[in-house]
PDB file of all heavy atoms in Angstrom:
ATOM      1  N   ASP A   1       0.837  -1.201   0.000  1.00  0.00           N
ATOM      2  CA  ASP A   1       0.000   0.000   0.000  1.00  0.00           C
ATOM      3  C   ASP A   1       0.873   1.252   0.000  1.00  0.00           C
ATOM      4  O   ASP A   1       1.785   1.375   0.834  1.00  0.00           O
ATOM      5  CB  ASP A   1      -0.903   0.026   1.237  1.00  0.00           C
ATOM      6  CG  ASP A   1      -1.953  -1.073   1.204  1.00  0.00           C
ATOM      7  OD1 ASP A   1      -2.161  -1.678   0.134  1.00  0.00           O
ATOM      8  OD2 ASP A   1      -2.559  -1.324   2.262  1.00  0.00           O
ATOM      9  N   PRO A   2       0.598   2.195  -0.919  1.00  0.00           N
ATOM     10  CA  PRO A   2       1.356   3.455  -0.911  1.00  0.00           C
ATOM     11  C   PRO A   2       1.147   4.203   0.400  1.00  0.00           C
ATOM     12  O   PRO A   2       0.058   4.188   0.970  1.00  0.00           O
ATOM     13  CB  PRO A   2       0.754   4.249  -2.076  1.00  0.00           C
ATOM     14  CG  PRO A   2       0.007   3.273  -2.905  1.00  0.00           C
ATOM     15  CD  PRO A   2      -0.384   2.152  -1.999  1.00  0.00           C
ATOM     16  N   THR A   3       2.201   4.830   0.880  1.00  0.00           N
ATOM     17  CA  THR A   3       2.161   5.634   2.091  1.00  0.00           C
ATOM     18  C   THR A   3       2.348   7.086   1.693  1.00  0.00           C
ATOM     19  O   THR A   3       3.326   7.429   1.034  1.00  0.00           O
ATOM     20  CB  THR A   3       3.292   5.214   3.052  1.00  0.00           C
ATOM     21  OG1 THR A   3       3.093   3.845   3.402  1.00  0.00           O
ATOM     22  CG2 THR A   3       3.304   6.058   4.306  1.00  0.00           C
ATOM     23  N   TYR A   4       1.400   7.926   2.076  1.00  0.00           N
ATOM     24  CA  TYR A   4       1.496   9.348   1.775  1.00  0.00           C
ATOM     25  C   TYR A   4       2.000  10.085   3.004  1.00  0.00           C
ATOM     26  O   TYR A   4       2.265   9.491   4.039  1.00  0.00           O
ATOM     27  CB  TYR A   4       0.137   9.872   1.283  1.00  0.00           C
ATOM     28  CG  TYR A   4      -0.343   9.113   0.064  1.00  0.00           C
ATOM     29  CD1 TYR A   4      -1.446   8.275   0.123  1.00  0.00           C
ATOM     30  CD2 TYR A   4       0.346   9.203  -1.140  1.00  0.00           C
ATOM     31  CE1 TYR A   4      -1.866   7.558  -0.993  1.00  0.00           C
ATOM     32  CE2 TYR A   4      -0.060   8.489  -2.262  1.00  0.00           C
ATOM     33  CZ  TYR A   4      -1.167   7.675  -2.180  1.00  0.00           C
ATOM     34  OH  TYR A   4      -1.568   6.961  -3.274  1.00  0.00           O
ATOM     35  N   THR A   5       2.144  11.361   2.925  1.00  0.00           N
ATOM     36  CA  THR A   5       2.725  12.184   3.982  1.00  0.00           C
ATOM     37  C   THR A   5       2.102  11.894   5.349  1.00  0.00           C
ATOM     38  O   THR A   5       0.899  11.703   5.469  1.00  0.00           O
ATOM     39  CB  THR A   5       2.522  13.675   3.654  1.00  0.00           C
ATOM     40  OG1 THR A   5       3.059  13.934   2.366  1.00  0.00           O
ATOM     41  CG2 THR A   5       3.186  14.564   4.671  1.00  0.00           C
ATOM     42  N   THR A   6       2.958  11.871   6.370  1.00  0.00           N
ATOM     43  CA  THR A   6       2.509  11.698   7.749  1.00  0.00           C
ATOM     44  C   THR A   6       2.322  13.066   8.391  1.00  0.00           C
ATOM     45  O   THR A   6       3.223  13.898   8.350  1.00  0.00           O
ATOM     46  CB  THR A   6       3.524  10.877   8.564  1.00  0.00           C
ATOM     47  OG1 THR A   6       3.624   9.583   7.986  1.00  0.00           O
ATOM     48  CG2 THR A   6       3.103  10.750  10.018  1.00  0.00           C
ATOM     49  N   ALA A   7       1.149  13.289   8.968  1.00  0.00           N
ATOM     50  CA  ALA A   7       0.879  14.531   9.694  1.00  0.00           C
ATOM     51  C   ALA A   7       1.121  14.278  11.183  1.00  0.00           C
ATOM     52  O   ALA A   7       0.727  13.238  11.714  1.00  0.00           O
ATOM     53  CB  ALA A   7      -0.566  14.973   9.472  1.00  0.00           C
ATOM     54  N   SER A   8       1.780  15.212  11.829  1.00  0.00           N
ATOM     55  CA  SER A   8       2.033  15.111  13.264  1.00  0.00           C
ATOM     56  C   SER A   8       0.910  15.841  14.001  1.00  0.00           C
ATOM     57  O   SER A   8       0.799  17.065  13.922  1.00  0.00           O
ATOM     58  CB  SER A   8       3.383  15.729  13.603  1.00  0.00           C
ATOM     59  OG  SER A   8       3.628  15.617  14.983  1.00  0.00           O
ATOM     60  N   PHE A   9       0.069  15.080  14.680  1.00  0.00           N
ATOM     61  CA  PHE A   9      -1.056  15.652  15.433  1.00  0.00           C
ATOM     62  C   PHE A   9      -0.592  15.925  16.858  1.00  0.00           C
ATOM     63  O   PHE A   9      -0.320  14.999  17.619  1.00  0.00           O
ATOM     64  CB  PHE A   9      -2.237  14.694  15.445  1.00  0.00           C
ATOM     65  CG  PHE A   9      -3.011  14.623  14.144  1.00  0.00           C
ATOM     66  CD1 PHE A   9      -2.544  15.176  12.970  1.00  0.00           C
ATOM     67  CD2 PHE A   9      -4.236  13.993  14.113  1.00  0.00           C
ATOM     68  CE1 PHE A   9      -3.260  15.111  11.787  1.00  0.00           C
ATOM     69  CE2 PHE A   9      -4.979  13.915  12.946  1.00  0.00           C
ATOM     70  CZ  PHE A   9      -4.490  14.479  11.774  1.00  0.00           C
ATOM     71  N   THR A  10      -0.501  17.191  17.216  1.00  0.00           N
ATOM     72  CA  THR A  10      -0.075  17.571  18.568  1.00  0.00           C
ATOM     73  C   THR A  10      -1.141  18.371  19.302  1.00  0.00           C
ATOM     74  O   THR A  10      -1.309  18.219  20.508  1.00  0.00           O
ATOM     75  CB  THR A  10       1.226  18.401  18.527  1.00  0.00           C
ATOM     76  OG1 THR A  10       1.014  19.550  17.697  1.00  0.00           O
ATOM     77  CG2 THR A  10       2.385  17.584  17.979  1.00  0.00           C
ATOM     78  N   ASN A  11      -1.855  19.231  18.608  1.00  0.00           N
ATOM     79  CA  ASN A  11      -2.816  20.123  19.245  1.00  0.00           C
ATOM     80  C   ASN A  11      -3.944  19.358  19.941  1.00  0.00           C
ATOM     81  O   ASN A  11      -4.469  19.805  20.957  1.00  0.00           O
ATOM     82  CB  ASN A  11      -3.405  21.102  18.222  1.00  0.00           C
ATOM     83  CG  ASN A  11      -4.170  22.218  18.907  1.00  0.00           C
ATOM     84  OD1 ASN A  11      -3.636  22.884  19.784  1.00  0.00           O
ATOM     85  ND2 ASN A  11      -5.417  22.395  18.507  1.00  0.00           N
ATOM     86  N   CYS A  12      -4.304  18.185  19.422  1.00  0.00           N
ATOM     87  CA  CYS A  12      -5.426  17.435  20.009  1.00  0.00           C
ATOM     88  C   CYS A  12      -5.121  16.947  21.428  1.00  0.00           C
ATOM     89  O   CYS A  12      -6.016  16.527  22.153  1.00  0.00           O
ATOM     90  CB  CYS A  12      -5.821  16.258  19.115  1.00  0.00           C
ATOM     91  SG  CYS A  12      -4.554  15.010  18.876  1.00  0.00           S
ATOM     92  N   PHE A  13      -3.863  17.036  21.853  1.00  0.00           N
ATOM     93  CA  PHE A  13      -3.476  16.637  23.211  1.00  0.00           C
ATOM     94  C   PHE A  13      -3.691  17.771  24.223  1.00  0.00           C
ATOM     95  O   PHE A  13      -3.388  17.612  25.394  1.00  0.00           O
ATOM     96  CB  PHE A  13      -2.011  16.180  23.238  1.00  0.00           C
ATOM     97  CG  PHE A  13      -1.792  14.861  22.578  1.00  0.00           C
ATOM     98  CD1 PHE A  13      -1.577  14.786  21.206  1.00  0.00           C
ATOM     99  CD2 PHE A  13      -1.812  13.682  23.305  1.00  0.00           C
ATOM    100  CE1 PHE A  13      -1.385  13.561  20.584  1.00  0.00           C
ATOM    101  CE2 PHE A  13      -1.621  12.455  22.691  1.00  0.00           C
ATOM    102  CZ  PHE A  13      -1.408  12.402  21.321  1.00  0.00           C
ATOM    103  N   GLY A  14      -4.240  18.913  23.774  1.00  0.00           N
ATOM    104  CA  GLY A  14      -4.396  20.090  24.619  1.00  0.00           C
ATOM    105  C   GLY A  14      -5.641  20.124  25.485  1.00  0.00           C
ATOM    106  O   GLY A  14      -5.826  21.066  26.227  1.00  0.00           O
ATOM    107  N   GLY A  15      -6.507  19.149  25.408  1.00  0.00           N
ATOM    108  CA  GLY A  15      -7.706  19.157  26.237  1.00  0.00           C
ATOM    109  C   GLY A  15      -8.917  18.626  25.497  1.00  0.00           C
ATOM    110  O   GLY A  15      -8.835  18.198  24.344  1.00  0.00           O
ATOM    111  N   TYR A  16     -10.057  18.684  26.163  1.00  0.00           N
ATOM    112  CA  TYR A  16     -11.283  18.032  25.713  1.00  0.00           C
ATOM    113  C   TYR A  16     -11.719  18.436  24.307  1.00  0.00           C
ATOM    114  O   TYR A  16     -12.118  17.605  23.509  1.00  0.00           O
ATOM    115  CB  TYR A  16     -12.400  18.315  26.719  1.00  0.00           C
ATOM    116  CG  TYR A  16     -13.642  17.496  26.477  1.00  0.00           C
ATOM    117  CD1 TYR A  16     -13.682  16.152  26.842  1.00  0.00           C
ATOM    118  CD2 TYR A  16     -14.759  18.051  25.873  1.00  0.00           C
ATOM    119  CE1 TYR A  16     -14.815  15.386  26.616  1.00  0.00           C
ATOM    120  CE2 TYR A  16     -15.899  17.295  25.658  1.00  0.00           C
ATOM    121  CZ  TYR A  16     -15.918  15.962  26.022  1.00  0.00           C
ATOM    122  OH  TYR A  16     -17.035  15.217  25.803  1.00  0.00           O
ATOM    123  N   ASN A  17     -11.671  19.706  23.977  1.00  0.00           N
ATOM    124  CA  ASN A  17     -12.112  20.178  22.667  1.00  0.00           C
ATOM    125  C   ASN A  17     -10.963  20.540  21.728  1.00  0.00           C
ATOM    126  O   ASN A  17     -11.188  21.147  20.681  1.00  0.00           O
ATOM    127  CB  ASN A  17     -13.055  21.373  22.808  1.00  0.00           C
ATOM    128  CG  ASN A  17     -14.400  20.963  23.362  1.00  0.00           C
ATOM    129  OD1 ASN A  17     -14.956  19.942  22.974  1.00  0.00           O
ATOM    130  ND2 ASN A  17     -14.925  21.748  24.288  1.00  0.00           N
ATOM    131  N   SER A  18      -9.752  20.172  22.076  1.00  0.00           N
ATOM    132  CA  SER A  18      -8.594  20.484  21.242  1.00  0.00           C
ATOM    133  C   SER A  18      -8.554  19.555  20.036  1.00  0.00           C
ATOM    134  O   SER A  18      -8.769  18.351  20.153  1.00  0.00           O
ATOM    135  CB  SER A  18      -7.305  20.339  22.038  1.00  0.00           C
ATOM    136  OG  SER A  18      -7.305  21.244  23.119  1.00  0.00           O
ATOM    137  N   THR A  19      -8.262  20.131  18.870  1.00  0.00           N
ATOM    138  CA  THR A  19      -8.341  19.397  17.617  1.00  0.00           C
ATOM    139  C   THR A  19      -7.065  19.537  16.801  1.00  0.00           C
ATOM    140  O   THR A  19      -6.458  20.594  16.764  1.00  0.00           O
ATOM    141  CB  THR A  19      -9.539  19.925  16.785  1.00  0.00           C
ATOM    142  OG1 THR A  19     -10.732  19.735  17.547  1.00  0.00           O
ATOM    143  CG2 THR A  19      -9.669  19.209  15.480  1.00  0.00           C
ATOM    144  N   SER A  20      -6.687  18.456  16.149  1.00  0.00           N
ATOM    145  CA  SER A  20      -5.622  18.453  15.153  1.00  0.00           C
ATOM    146  C   SER A  20      -6.208  17.899  13.864  1.00  0.00           C
ATOM    147  O   SER A  20      -7.098  17.047  13.893  1.00  0.00           O
ATOM    148  CB  SER A  20      -4.467  17.539  15.574  1.00  0.00           C
ATOM    149  OG  SER A  20      -3.817  18.020  16.714  1.00  0.00           O
ATOM    150  N   SER A  21      -5.700  18.380  12.730  1.00  0.00           N
ATOM    151  CA  SER A  21      -6.182  17.832  11.467  1.00  0.00           C
ATOM    152  C   SER A  21      -5.074  17.819  10.436  1.00  0.00           C
ATOM    153  O   SER A  21      -4.101  18.556  10.534  1.00  0.00           O
ATOM    154  CB  SER A  21      -7.383  18.627  10.951  1.00  0.00           C
ATOM    155  OG  SER A  21      -7.019  19.949  10.655  1.00  0.00           O
ATOM    156  N   GLY A  22      -5.243  16.944   9.469  1.00  0.00           N
ATOM    157  CA  GLY A  22      -4.317  16.845   8.353  1.00  0.00           C
ATOM    158  C   GLY A  22      -5.098  16.818   7.057  1.00  0.00           C
ATOM    159  O   GLY A  22      -6.206  16.276   7.001  1.00  0.00           O
ATOM    160  N   ASN A  23      -4.537  17.429   6.027  1.00  0.00           N
ATOM    161  CA  ASN A  23      -5.164  17.472   4.709  1.00  0.00           C
ATOM    162  C   ASN A  23      -4.225  16.850   3.685  1.00  0.00           C
ATOM    163  O   ASN A  23      -3.027  17.139   3.688  1.00  0.00           O
ATOM    164  CB  ASN A  23      -5.458  18.920   4.300  1.00  0.00           C
ATOM    165  CG  ASN A  23      -6.486  19.557   5.184  1.00  0.00           C
ATOM    166  OD1 ASN A  23      -7.624  19.116   5.219  1.00  0.00           O
ATOM    167  ND2 ASN A  23      -6.094  20.588   5.909  1.00  0.00           N
ATOM    168  N   TRP A  24      -4.779  16.020   2.828  1.00  0.00           N
ATOM    169  CA  TRP A  24      -4.014  15.397   1.766  1.00  0.00           C
ATOM    170  C   TRP A  24      -4.684  15.733   0.445  1.00  0.00           C
ATOM    171  O   TRP A  24      -5.909  15.668   0.319  1.00  0.00           O
ATOM    172  CB  TRP A  24      -3.956  13.879   1.962  1.00  0.00           C
ATOM    173  CG  TRP A  24      -3.091  13.479   3.108  1.00  0.00           C
ATOM    174  CD1 TRP A  24      -1.779  13.100   3.047  1.00  0.00           C
ATOM    175  CD2 TRP A  24      -3.444  13.404   4.501  1.00  0.00           C
ATOM    176  NE1 TRP A  24      -1.303  12.808   4.308  1.00  0.00           N
ATOM    177  CE2 TRP A  24      -2.312  12.993   5.224  1.00  0.00           C
ATOM    178  CE3 TRP A  24      -4.615  13.662   5.206  1.00  0.00           C
ATOM    179  CZ2 TRP A  24      -2.310  12.814   6.599  1.00  0.00           C
ATOM    180  CZ3 TRP A  24      -4.612  13.500   6.583  1.00  0.00           C
ATOM    181  CH2 TRP A  24      -3.476  13.074   7.257  1.00  0.00           C
ATOM    182  N   SER A  25      -3.885  16.062  -0.566  1.00  0.00           N
ATOM    183  CA  SER A  25      -4.435  16.399  -1.882  1.00  0.00           C
ATOM    184  C   SER A  25      -4.907  15.134  -2.600  1.00  0.00           C
ATOM    185  O   SER A  25      -4.681  14.017  -2.133  1.00  0.00           O
ATOM    186  CB  SER A  25      -3.371  17.116  -2.716  1.00  0.00           C
ATOM    187  OG  SER A  25      -2.267  16.259  -2.912  1.00  0.00           O
ATOM    188  N   ASP A  26      -5.540  15.317  -3.737  1.00  0.00           N
ATOM    189  CA  ASP A  26      -6.112  14.225  -4.521  1.00  0.00           C
ATOM    190  C   ASP A  26      -5.051  13.177  -4.865  1.00  0.00           C
ATOM    191  O   ASP A  26      -4.010  13.488  -5.429  1.00  0.00           O
ATOM    192  CB  ASP A  26      -6.710  14.801  -5.800  1.00  0.00           C
ATOM    193  CG  ASP A  26      -7.466  13.780  -6.623  1.00  0.00           C
ATOM    194  OD1 ASP A  26      -7.531  12.600  -6.228  1.00  0.00           O
ATOM    195  OD2 ASP A  26      -7.990  14.162  -7.678  1.00  0.00           O
ATOM    196  N   LYS A  27      -5.308  11.935  -4.498  1.00  0.00           N
ATOM    197  CA  LYS A  27      -4.422  10.808  -4.807  1.00  0.00           C
ATOM    198  C   LYS A  27      -5.100   9.835  -5.773  1.00  0.00           C
ATOM    199  O   LYS A  27      -4.660   8.711  -5.937  1.00  0.00           O
ATOM    200  CB  LYS A  27      -4.034  10.054  -3.522  1.00  0.00           C
ATOM    201  CG  LYS A  27      -3.444  10.919  -2.432  1.00  0.00           C
ATOM    202  CD  LYS A  27      -2.129  11.524  -2.849  1.00  0.00           C
ATOM    203  CE  LYS A  27      -1.538  12.332  -1.705  1.00  0.00           C
ATOM    204  NZ  LYS A  27      -0.515  13.242  -2.138  1.00  0.00           N
ATOM    205  N   GLY A  28      -6.208  10.264  -6.388  1.00  0.00           N
ATOM    206  CA  GLY A  28      -6.945   9.405  -7.306  1.00  0.00           C
ATOM    207  C   GLY A  28      -8.002   8.596  -6.584  1.00  0.00           C
ATOM    208  O   GLY A  28      -8.087   8.587  -5.364  1.00  0.00           O
ATOM    209  N   SER A  29      -8.821   7.912  -7.351  1.00  0.00           N
ATOM    210  CA  SER A  29      -9.889   7.117  -6.742  1.00  0.00           C
ATOM    211  C   SER A  29      -9.329   5.835  -6.146  1.00  0.00           C
ATOM    212  O   SER A  29      -8.277   5.351  -6.560  1.00  0.00           O
ATOM    213  CB  SER A  29     -10.967   6.799  -7.775  1.00  0.00           C
ATOM    214  OG  SER A  29     -10.427   6.014  -8.810  1.00  0.00           O
ATOM    215  N   GLY A  30     -10.022   5.307  -5.162  1.00  0.00           N
ATOM    216  CA  GLY A  30      -9.614   4.059  -4.549  1.00  0.00           C
ATOM    217  C   GLY A  30     -10.056   3.951  -3.104  1.00  0.00           C
ATOM    218  O   GLY A  30     -10.735   4.826  -2.575  1.00  0.00           O
ATOM    219  N   ASN A  31      -9.651   2.853  -2.461  1.00  0.00           N
ATOM    220  CA  ASN A  31      -9.935   2.621  -1.049  1.00  0.00           C
ATOM    221  C   ASN A  31      -8.793   3.188  -0.216  1.00  0.00           C
ATOM    222  O   ASN A  31      -7.629   2.877  -0.476  1.00  0.00           O
ATOM    223  CB  ASN A  31     -10.089   1.127  -0.766  1.00  0.00           C
ATOM    224  CG  ASN A  31     -11.354   0.579  -1.366  1.00  0.00           C
ATOM    225  OD1 ASN A  31     -12.423   1.154  -1.214  1.00  0.00           O
ATOM    226  ND2 ASN A  31     -11.246  -0.535  -2.076  1.00  0.00           N
ATOM    227  N   TYR A  32      -9.136   3.972   0.781  1.00  0.00           N
ATOM    228  CA  TYR A  32      -8.145   4.632   1.626  1.00  0.00           C
ATOM    229  C   TYR A  32      -8.335   4.226   3.081  1.00  0.00           C
ATOM    230  O   TYR A  32      -9.398   3.759   3.481  1.00  0.00           O
ATOM    231  CB  TYR A  32      -8.275   6.156   1.518  1.00  0.00           C
ATOM    232  CG  TYR A  32      -7.800   6.685   0.192  1.00  0.00           C
ATOM    233  CD1 TYR A  32      -8.665   6.788  -0.885  1.00  0.00           C
ATOM    234  CD2 TYR A  32      -6.482   7.064   0.016  1.00  0.00           C
ATOM    235  CE1 TYR A  32      -8.222   7.264  -2.107  1.00  0.00           C
ATOM    236  CE2 TYR A  32      -6.024   7.540  -1.197  1.00  0.00           C
ATOM    237  CZ  TYR A  32      -6.907   7.641  -2.258  1.00  0.00           C
ATOM    238  OH  TYR A  32      -6.459   8.103  -3.461  1.00  0.00           O
ATOM    239  N   TYR A  33      -7.297   4.445   3.860  1.00  0.00           N
ATOM    240  CA  TYR A  33      -7.347   4.296   5.308  1.00  0.00           C
ATOM    241  C   TYR A  33      -6.211   5.115   5.877  1.00  0.00           C
ATOM    242  O   TYR A  33      -5.356   5.611   5.142  1.00  0.00           O
ATOM    243  CB  TYR A  33      -7.242   2.824   5.731  1.00  0.00           C
ATOM    244  CG  TYR A  33      -5.938   2.133   5.403  1.00  0.00           C
ATOM    245  CD1 TYR A  33      -4.942   1.982   6.369  1.00  0.00           C
ATOM    246  CD2 TYR A  33      -5.700   1.608   4.137  1.00  0.00           C
ATOM    247  CE1 TYR A  33      -3.754   1.337   6.082  1.00  0.00           C
ATOM    248  CE2 TYR A  33      -4.511   0.956   3.843  1.00  0.00           C
ATOM    249  CZ  TYR A  33      -3.537   0.825   4.811  1.00  0.00           C
ATOM    250  OH  TYR A  33      -2.357   0.187   4.520  1.00  0.00           O
ATOM    251  N   PHE A  34      -6.206   5.305   7.175  1.00  0.00           N
ATOM    252  CA  PHE A  34      -5.053   5.959   7.791  1.00  0.00           C
ATOM    253  C   PHE A  34      -4.448   5.017   8.819  1.00  0.00           C
ATOM    254  O   PHE A  34      -5.128   4.151   9.374  1.00  0.00           O
ATOM    255  CB  PHE A  34      -5.408   7.323   8.415  1.00  0.00           C
ATOM    256  CG  PHE A  34      -6.357   7.276   9.566  1.00  0.00           C
ATOM    257  CD1 PHE A  34      -5.912   7.042  10.860  1.00  0.00           C
ATOM    258  CD2 PHE A  34      -7.709   7.498   9.368  1.00  0.00           C
ATOM    259  CE1 PHE A  34      -6.790   7.009  11.929  1.00  0.00           C
ATOM    260  CE2 PHE A  34      -8.609   7.483  10.426  1.00  0.00           C
ATOM    261  CZ  PHE A  34      -8.146   7.234  11.712  1.00  0.00           C
TER     262      PHE A  34
END
């Protein structure tokens, strides 16, 4: 399985409503997972 860029999620460790997110550009159609 191809591996795309890894995002480092740190902000979500800041408390109950703290959020981290990562965005990946179009890699074509197919089945994905993280």
